Amino acid sequence: MNILARTVRYASAWRNLNRIQNLTLEKCSVEELVDTVFTCADAFFEPIQIREEIIGALQEIRKLRPRYIVEVGTAGGGTMLLWLRVAHPEAKIVTIDLPGGRFGGGSSPLRVPLFRRLGLPGQTIHLIRGDSHDPATLELTRQYLAGNAADFLFIDADHTPEGVRADYSMYSPLVRPGGIIGFHDIGITNPVYGVRALWQELATTKPSREFLGQPETYGIGLLYS
C-alpha cells in the first residue's frame, strides 16, 4: 500500500473513532461487533483473523468477562479492541508488540494514539512496544497488572517453535486458576510455525476448545487453566 493510501486510511480511522468508541455489546451482537471492526475505516483495525474463528472465541471470552487481560502480539489493534468489548467495563489490558516483528507485529507508532482511545470509558490500556521474550517486558507486564492475576492471556506473536514456547512459559504463570489462555494459528501446518505442535501437547493436559474456520483455517485454541 502506498503512502497516499495509508494516509487516507489513517485519516479515516480518526474520523470513525467516535463510532468505534461507541461500539458496545449493549448496542450490537458479537457478529455485528466483529463485522464493524473488520470493515470500519477501510478495514484499518481489521485483525489478522478468520471471522468464524474469532466470533467463536469471543463468545467464550464474553462468558469469562475478564477484568485483567494480557495480549502478546498487538499488530493492528483489532483483537485488542475486540477483547475489550467483551471484557469487564473496568477491564485492564496489557498488550505487547515488537516493532518490526516478523509475524505481523510492530505496527506504526502513529497507531499508538489511536490504540490508547480504543477502550471503553472505565477501561485501561497499557501498551508495551518491545520484545515479549525480554525479561524486562515481563516485569513491566507484572507492574501494570499491579499484583492481579490475568483472567485471559492471548498469545499471537512470535510463531516459531522456540518463540511461542517462550511466550507460553513466561506469561502463562500470570493467569489465575479458572482463567483462559488463547493461542492463534493452531491450525497452520507450516513447519516455520510452532503453535500447532505446542497446542497439541497442551490440549491433552487441560480442558480446551478449538475454533477452526472452513474452508480457510488459522485456528484459535482456548486452554482452560
C-alpha atoms as a PDB file:
ATOM      1  CA  MET A   1       0.000   0.000   0.000  1.00  0.00           C
ATOM      2  CA  ASN A   2       1.443   3.386  -0.982  1.00  0.00           C
ATOM      3  CA  ILE A   3       1.863   6.371   1.323  1.00  0.00           C
ATOM      4  CA  LEU A   4      -1.204   8.186   0.000  1.00  0.00           C
ATOM      5  CA  ALA A   5      -3.466   5.186   0.577  1.00  0.00           C
ATOM      6  CA  ARG A   6      -2.074   4.735   4.092  1.00  0.00           C
ATOM      7  CA  THR A   7      -2.649   8.398   4.874  1.00  0.00           C
ATOM      8  CA  VAL A   8      -6.253   8.201   3.688  1.00  0.00           C
ATOM      9  CA  ARG A   9      -6.917   5.122   5.854  1.00  0.00           C
ATOM     10  CA  TYR A  10      -5.270   6.767   8.868  1.00  0.00           C
ATOM     11  CA  ALA A  11      -7.420   9.864   8.474  1.00  0.00           C
ATOM     12  CA  SER A  12     -10.500   7.665   8.093  1.00  0.00           C
ATOM     13  CA  ALA A  13      -9.637   5.870  11.349  1.00  0.00           C
ATOM     14  CA  TRP A  14      -9.627   9.186  13.218  1.00  0.00           C
ATOM     15  CA  ARG A  15     -12.894  10.245  11.586  1.00  0.00           C
ATOM     16  CA  ASN A  16     -14.504   6.962  12.638  1.00  0.00           C
ATOM     17  CA  LEU A  17     -13.020   6.895  16.130  1.00  0.00           C
ATOM     18  CA  ASN A  18     -16.230   8.046  17.790  1.00  0.00           C
ATOM     19  CA  ARG A  19     -18.102   5.224  16.060  1.00  0.00           C
ATOM     20  CA  ILE A  20     -15.562   2.713  17.356  1.00  0.00           C
ATOM     21  CA  GLN A  21     -15.639   4.148  20.877  1.00  0.00           C
ATOM     22  CA  ASN A  22     -19.436   3.845  20.971  1.00  0.00           C
ATOM     23  CA  LEU A  23     -19.383   0.241  19.773  1.00  0.00           C
ATOM     24  CA  THR A  24     -20.669  -1.934  22.627  1.00  0.00           C
ATOM     25  CA  LEU A  25     -22.494  -5.228  23.052  1.00  0.00           C
ATOM     26  CA  GLU A  26     -25.403  -3.296  24.505  1.00  0.00           C
ATOM     27  CA  LYS A  27     -25.903  -1.869  21.025  1.00  0.00           C
ATOM     28  CA  CYS A  28     -24.961  -4.787  18.778  1.00  0.00           C
ATOM     29  CA  SER A  29     -24.341  -8.534  18.658  1.00  0.00           C
ATOM     30  CA  VAL A  30     -20.911 -10.168  18.712  1.00  0.00           C
ATOM     31  CA  GLU A  31     -21.288 -10.831  14.990  1.00  0.00           C
ATOM     32  CA  GLU A  32     -22.090  -7.180  14.292  1.00  0.00           C
ATOM     33  CA  LEU A  33     -19.192  -6.107  16.502  1.00  0.00           C
ATOM     34  CA  VAL A  34     -16.761  -8.260  14.514  1.00  0.00           C
ATOM     35  CA  ASP A  35     -18.123  -7.109  11.161  1.00  0.00           C
ATOM     36  CA  THR A  36     -17.773  -3.453  12.151  1.00  0.00           C
ATOM     37  CA  VAL A  37     -14.183  -3.883  13.351  1.00  0.00           C
ATOM     38  CA  PHE A  38     -13.300  -5.801  10.182  1.00  0.00           C
ATOM     39  CA  THR A  39     -14.684  -3.121   7.851  1.00  0.00           C
ATOM     40  CA  CYS A  40     -14.707   0.261   9.610  1.00  0.00           C
ATOM     41  CA  ALA A  41     -12.379   2.986   8.268  1.00  0.00           C
ATOM     42  CA  ASP A  42     -11.417   0.951   5.214  1.00  0.00           C
ATOM     43  CA  ALA A  43     -10.564  -2.016   7.470  1.00  0.00           C
ATOM     44  CA  PHE A  44      -7.974   0.000   9.414  1.00  0.00           C
ATOM     45  CA  PHE A  45      -8.455  -2.114  12.556  1.00  0.00           C
ATOM     46  CA  GLU A  46      -9.113  -5.413  10.772  1.00  0.00           C
ATOM     47  CA  PRO A  47      -7.463  -8.198  12.813  1.00  0.00           C
ATOM     48  CA  ILE A  48      -5.479 -10.976  11.147  1.00  0.00           C
ATOM     49  CA  GLN A  49      -8.260 -13.406  11.952  1.00  0.00           C
ATOM     50  CA  ILE A  50     -10.841 -15.663  10.354  1.00  0.00           C
ATOM     51  CA  ARG A  51     -14.311 -14.263  11.089  1.00  0.00           C
ATOM     52  CA  GLU A  52     -15.828 -17.595  12.127  1.00  0.00           C
ATOM     53  CA  GLU A  53     -12.948 -18.376  14.476  1.00  0.00           C
ATOM     54  CA  ILE A  54     -12.782 -15.032  16.261  1.00  0.00           C
ATOM     55  CA  ILE A  55     -16.556 -14.926  16.750  1.00  0.00           C
ATOM     56  CA  GLY A  56     -16.458 -18.324  18.461  1.00  0.00           C
ATOM     57  CA  ALA A  57     -13.560 -17.288  20.681  1.00  0.00           C
ATOM     58  CA  LEU A  58     -15.239 -14.003  21.619  1.00  0.00           C
ATOM     59  CA  GLN A  59     -18.399 -15.825  22.679  1.00  0.00           C
ATOM     60  CA  GLU A  60     -16.305 -17.863  25.128  1.00  0.00           C
ATOM     61  CA  ILE A  61     -14.304 -14.908  26.450  1.00  0.00           C
ATOM     62  CA  ARG A  62     -17.532 -12.976  26.889  1.00  0.00           C
ATOM     63  CA  LYS A  63     -18.676 -15.618  29.399  1.00  0.00           C
ATOM     64  CA  LEU A  64     -15.453 -15.071  31.372  1.00  0.00           C
ATOM     65  CA  ARG A  65     -15.925 -11.284  31.375  1.00  0.00           C
ATOM     66  CA  PRO A  66     -12.209 -10.783  32.054  1.00  0.00           C
ATOM     67  CA  ARG A  67     -11.044  -7.898  34.170  1.00  0.00           C
ATOM     68  CA  TYR A  68      -7.310  -8.376  33.578  1.00  0.00           C
ATOM     69  CA  ILE A  69      -6.075  -9.275  30.089  1.00  0.00           C
ATOM     70  CA  VAL A  70      -2.585  -9.831  28.684  1.00  0.00           C
ATOM     71  CA  GLU A  71      -2.163  -9.897  24.907  1.00  0.00           C
ATOM     72  CA  VAL A  72       1.160 -10.932  23.388  1.00  0.00           C
ATOM     73  CA  GLY A  73       1.018  -9.540  19.839  1.00  0.00           C
ATOM     74  CA  THR A  74      -0.911  -6.307  19.245  1.00  0.00           C
ATOM     75  CA  ALA A  75      -0.405  -5.977  15.464  1.00  0.00           C
ATOM     76  CA  GLY A  76      -3.082  -3.575  14.119  1.00  0.00           C
ATOM     77  CA  GLY A  77      -5.026  -3.433  17.381  1.00  0.00           C
ATOM     78  CA  GLY A  78      -8.094  -5.294  16.120  1.00  0.00           C
ATOM     79  CA  THR A  79      -8.050  -8.164  18.591  1.00  0.00           C
ATOM     80  CA  MET A  80      -7.266  -5.804  21.472  1.00  0.00           C
ATOM     81  CA  LEU A  81     -10.367  -3.825  20.550  1.00  0.00           C
ATOM     82  CA  LEU A  82     -12.493  -6.984  20.386  1.00  0.00           C
ATOM     83  CA  TRP A  83     -11.258  -8.355  23.734  1.00  0.00           C
ATOM     84  CA  LEU A  84     -12.049  -5.038  25.399  1.00  0.00           C
ATOM     85  CA  ARG A  85     -15.623  -5.097  24.114  1.00  0.00           C
ATOM     86  CA  VAL A  86     -16.382  -8.479  25.689  1.00  0.00           C
ATOM     87  CA  ALA A  87     -14.441  -7.693  28.881  1.00  0.00           C
ATOM     88  CA  HIS A  88     -15.482  -6.104  32.164  1.00  0.00           C
ATOM     89  CA  PRO A  89     -16.360  -2.389  31.789  1.00  0.00           C
ATOM     90  CA  GLU A  90     -13.420  -1.603  34.095  1.00  0.00           C
ATOM     91  CA  ALA A  91     -11.024  -4.079  32.497  1.00  0.00           C
ATOM     92  CA  LYS A  92      -7.295  -3.513  32.222  1.00  0.00           C
ATOM     93  CA  ILE A  93      -5.363  -4.844  29.214  1.00  0.00           C
ATOM     94  CA  VAL A  94      -1.604  -5.095  28.793  1.00  0.00           C
ATOM     95  CA  THR A  95      -0.761  -5.569  25.126  1.00  0.00           C
ATOM     96  CA  ILE A  96       2.769  -6.276  23.877  1.00  0.00           C
ATOM     97  CA  ASP A  97       4.130  -5.774  20.369  1.00  0.00           C
ATOM     98  CA  LEU A  98       7.615  -5.836  18.867  1.00  0.00           C
ATOM     99  CA  PRO A  99       8.400  -3.054  16.365  1.00  0.00           C
ATOM    100  CA  GLY A 100       9.429  -4.754  13.144  1.00  0.00           C
ATOM    101  CA  GLY A 101       8.054  -8.075  14.358  1.00  0.00           C
ATOM    102  CA  ARG A 102       8.251 -10.934  11.881  1.00  0.00           C
ATOM    103  CA  PHE A 103       4.677 -12.201  12.223  1.00  0.00           C
ATOM    104  CA  GLY A 104       2.630  -9.089  11.516  1.00  0.00           C
ATOM    105  CA  GLY A 105       3.513  -7.103  14.598  1.00  0.00           C
ATOM    106  CA  GLY A 106       5.275  -3.817  15.083  1.00  0.00           C
ATOM    107  CA  SER A 107       2.593  -1.574  13.639  1.00  0.00           C
ATOM    108  CA  SER A 108       3.456   2.065  13.017  1.00  0.00           C
ATOM    109  CA  PRO A 109       3.910   4.244  16.122  1.00  0.00           C
ATOM    110  CA  LEU A 110       1.334   6.529  14.512  1.00  0.00           C
ATOM    111  CA  ARG A 111      -1.279   3.988  15.580  1.00  0.00           C
ATOM    112  CA  VAL A 112      -0.390   4.343  19.269  1.00  0.00           C
ATOM    113  CA  PRO A 113      -2.549   7.463  19.920  1.00  0.00           C
ATOM    114  CA  LEU A 114      -5.479   5.603  18.340  1.00  0.00           C
ATOM    115  CA  PHE A 115      -4.803   2.462  20.380  1.00  0.00           C
ATOM    116  CA  ARG A 116      -4.952   4.472  23.602  1.00  0.00           C
ATOM    117  CA  ARG A 117      -8.502   5.568  22.738  1.00  0.00           C
ATOM    118  CA  LEU A 118      -9.995   2.178  21.872  1.00  0.00           C
ATOM    119  CA  GLY A 119     -11.153   1.232  25.364  1.00  0.00           C
ATOM    120  CA  LEU A 120     -14.494   1.966  26.968  1.00  0.00           C
ATOM    121  CA  PRO A 121     -14.584   4.893  29.448  1.00  0.00           C
ATOM    122  CA  GLY A 122     -13.731   2.794  32.522  1.00  0.00           C
ATOM    123  CA  GLN A 123     -11.100   0.588  30.875  1.00  0.00           C
ATOM    124  CA  THR A 124      -7.314   0.940  30.980  1.00  0.00           C
ATOM    125  CA  ILE A 125      -4.901   0.161  28.148  1.00  0.00           C
ATOM    126  CA  HIS A 126      -1.180  -0.378  28.696  1.00  0.00           C
ATOM    127  CA  LEU A 127       0.880  -0.564  25.500  1.00  0.00           C
ATOM    128  CA  ILE A 128       4.318  -2.178  25.582  1.00  0.00           C
ATOM    129  CA  ARG A 129       6.352  -1.845  22.398  1.00  0.00           C
ATOM    130  CA  GLY A 130       9.131  -4.343  22.971  1.00  0.00           C
ATOM    131  CA  ASP A 131      10.246  -7.970  22.778  1.00  0.00           C
ATOM    132  CA  SER A 132       7.933 -10.264  24.726  1.00  0.00           C
ATOM    133  CA  HIS A 133      10.932 -12.537  25.393  1.00  0.00           C
ATOM    134  CA  ASP A 134      12.826  -9.802  27.210  1.00  0.00           C
ATOM    135  CA  PRO A 135      12.592 -10.311  31.000  1.00  0.00           C
ATOM    136  CA  ALA A 136      12.149  -6.543  31.323  1.00  0.00           C
ATOM    137  CA  THR A 137       8.953  -6.773  29.265  1.00  0.00           C
ATOM    138  CA  LEU A 138       7.607  -9.499  31.532  1.00  0.00           C
ATOM    139  CA  GLU A 139       8.465  -7.426  34.597  1.00  0.00           C
ATOM    140  CA  LEU A 140       6.719  -4.369  33.137  1.00  0.00           C
ATOM    141  CA  THR A 141       3.659  -6.511  32.441  1.00  0.00           C
ATOM    142  CA  ARG A 142       3.620  -7.583  36.087  1.00  0.00           C
ATOM    143  CA  GLN A 143       3.892  -3.970  37.167  1.00  0.00           C
ATOM    144  CA  TYR A 144       0.925  -2.983  35.036  1.00  0.00           C
ATOM    145  CA  LEU A 145      -1.139  -5.846  36.469  1.00  0.00           C
ATOM    146  CA  ALA A 146      -0.332  -4.417  39.914  1.00  0.00           C
ATOM    147  CA  GLY A 147      -0.456  -7.739  41.729  1.00  0.00           C
ATOM    148  CA  ASN A 148      -3.569  -9.002  39.956  1.00  0.00           C
ATOM    149  CA  ALA A 149      -3.612 -12.311  38.102  1.00  0.00           C
ATOM    150  CA  ALA A 150      -4.709 -12.250  34.468  1.00  0.00           C
ATOM    151  CA  ASP A 151      -8.114 -13.687  33.621  1.00  0.00           C
ATOM    152  CA  PHE A 152      -7.234 -14.074  29.948  1.00  0.00           C
ATOM    153  CA  LEU A 153      -3.937 -14.393  28.085  1.00  0.00           C
ATOM    154  CA  PHE A 154      -3.837 -14.332  24.275  1.00  0.00           C
ATOM    155  CA  ILE A 155      -0.616 -15.437  22.556  1.00  0.00           C
ATOM    156  CA  ASP A 156      -0.260 -14.278  18.951  1.00  0.00           C
ATOM    157  CA  ALA A 157       3.299 -13.009  18.477  1.00  0.00           C
ATOM    158  CA  ASP A 158       6.458 -14.979  17.629  1.00  0.00           C
ATOM    159  CA  HIS A 159       5.073 -18.103  15.966  1.00  0.00           C
ATOM    160  CA  THR A 160       8.351 -20.016  15.708  1.00  0.00           C
ATOM    161  CA  PRO A 161       8.604 -23.202  17.797  1.00  0.00           C
ATOM    162  CA  GLU A 162      11.034 -21.545  20.204  1.00  0.00           C
ATOM    163  CA  GLY A 163       9.192 -18.226  20.267  1.00  0.00           C
ATOM    164  CA  VAL A 164       5.705 -19.446  21.071  1.00  0.00           C
ATOM    165  CA  ARG A 165       7.028 -21.791  23.749  1.00  0.00           C
ATOM    166  CA  ALA A 166       8.925 -18.921  25.336  1.00  0.00           C
ATOM    167  CA  ASP A 167       5.793 -16.756  25.382  1.00  0.00           C
ATOM    168  CA  TYR A 168       3.782 -19.553  26.951  1.00  0.00           C
ATOM    169  CA  SER A 169       6.372 -20.397  29.613  1.00  0.00           C
ATOM    170  CA  MET A 170       6.902 -16.731  30.539  1.00  0.00           C
ATOM    171  CA  TYR A 171       3.326 -15.425  30.560  1.00  0.00           C
ATOM    172  CA  SER A 172       1.111 -18.406  31.429  1.00  0.00           C
ATOM    173  CA  PRO A 173       2.096 -18.198  35.139  1.00  0.00           C
ATOM    174  CA  LEU A 174       0.384 -14.799  35.206  1.00  0.00           C
ATOM    175  CA  VAL A 175      -3.022 -16.431  34.588  1.00  0.00           C
ATOM    176  CA  ARG A 176      -5.256 -17.246  37.540  1.00  0.00           C
ATOM    177  CA  PRO A 177      -6.806 -20.668  38.152  1.00  0.00           C
ATOM    178  CA  GLY A 178     -10.041 -20.660  36.181  1.00  0.00           C
ATOM    179  CA  GLY A 179      -8.632 -18.255  33.602  1.00  0.00           C
ATOM    180  CA  ILE A 180      -8.174 -18.882  29.884  1.00  0.00           C
ATOM    181  CA  ILE A 181      -5.066 -18.963  27.693  1.00  0.00           C
ATOM    182  CA  GLY A 182      -5.675 -18.422  23.988  1.00  0.00           C
ATOM    183  CA  PHE A 183      -3.421 -19.281  21.046  1.00  0.00           C
ATOM    184  CA  HIS A 184      -3.746 -18.088  17.470  1.00  0.00           C
ATOM    185  CA  ASP A 185      -2.775 -20.127  14.380  1.00  0.00           C
ATOM    186  CA  ILE A 186      -3.153 -23.573  15.920  1.00  0.00           C
ATOM    187  CA  GLY A 187      -4.352 -24.842  12.533  1.00  0.00           C
ATOM    188  CA  ILE A 188      -1.342 -23.776  10.457  1.00  0.00           C
ATOM    189  CA  THR A 189       0.851 -26.723   9.462  1.00  0.00           C
ATOM    190  CA  ASN A 190       3.773 -24.732   8.004  1.00  0.00           C
ATOM    191  CA  PRO A 191       6.872 -26.033   9.884  1.00  0.00           C
ATOM    192  CA  VAL A 192       8.061 -22.447  10.412  1.00  0.00           C
ATOM    193  CA  TYR A 193       5.107 -22.125  12.804  1.00  0.00           C
ATOM    194  CA  GLY A 194       5.359 -23.914  16.125  1.00  0.00           C
ATOM    195  CA  VAL A 195       1.939 -23.049  17.516  1.00  0.00           C
ATOM    196  CA  ARG A 196       0.205 -26.219  16.318  1.00  0.00           C
ATOM    197  CA  ALA A 197       2.724 -28.566  17.934  1.00  0.00           C
ATOM    198  CA  LEU A 198       2.628 -26.748  21.273  1.00  0.00           C
ATOM    199  CA  TRP A 199      -1.158 -26.601  21.206  1.00  0.00           C
ATOM    200  CA  GLN A 200      -1.457 -30.333  20.557  1.00  0.00           C
ATOM    201  CA  GLU A 201       0.735 -31.004  23.587  1.00  0.00           C
ATOM    202  CA  LEU A 202      -1.121 -28.644  25.921  1.00  0.00           C
ATOM    203  CA  ALA A 203      -4.623 -29.606  24.806  1.00  0.00           C
ATOM    204  CA  THR A 204      -4.055 -33.126  26.136  1.00  0.00           C
ATOM    205  CA  THR A 205      -3.257 -31.822  29.629  1.00  0.00           C
ATOM    206  CA  LYS A 206      -6.122 -29.389  30.298  1.00  0.00           C
ATOM    207  CA  PRO A 207      -9.688 -28.732  29.151  1.00  0.00           C
ATOM    208  CA  SER A 208      -9.601 -26.955  25.826  1.00  0.00           C
ATOM    209  CA  ARG A 209     -11.657 -25.807  22.875  1.00  0.00           C
ATOM    210  CA  GLU A 210     -10.740 -25.215  19.235  1.00  0.00           C
ATOM    211  CA  PHE A 211     -12.213 -22.852  16.663  1.00  0.00           C
ATOM    212  CA  LEU A 212     -11.252 -23.881  13.133  1.00  0.00           C
ATOM    213  CA  GLY A 213     -12.714 -21.980  10.209  1.00  0.00           C
ATOM    214  CA  GLN A 214     -13.721 -23.543   6.913  1.00  0.00           C
ATOM    215  CA  PRO A 215     -12.523 -23.594   4.204  1.00  0.00           C
ATOM    216  CA  GLU A 216      -9.727 -21.245   5.318  1.00  0.00           C
ATOM    217  CA  THR A 217      -8.202 -22.059   8.689  1.00  0.00           C
ATOM    218  CA  TYR A 218      -5.854 -20.204  11.002  1.00  0.00           C
ATOM    219  CA  GLY A 219      -7.280 -21.664  14.182  1.00  0.00           C
ATOM    220  CA  ILE A 220      -7.827 -20.340  17.697  1.00  0.00           C
ATOM    221  CA  GLY A 221      -7.343 -22.599  20.688  1.00  0.00           C
ATOM    222  CA  LEU A 222      -8.551 -21.817  24.217  1.00  0.00           C
ATOM    223  CA  LEU A 223      -6.919 -23.588  27.134  1.00  0.00           C
ATOM    224  CA  TYR A 224      -8.880 -23.530  30.394  1.00  0.00           C
ATOM    225  CA  SER A 225      -6.457 -23.051  33.261  1.00  0.00           C
END
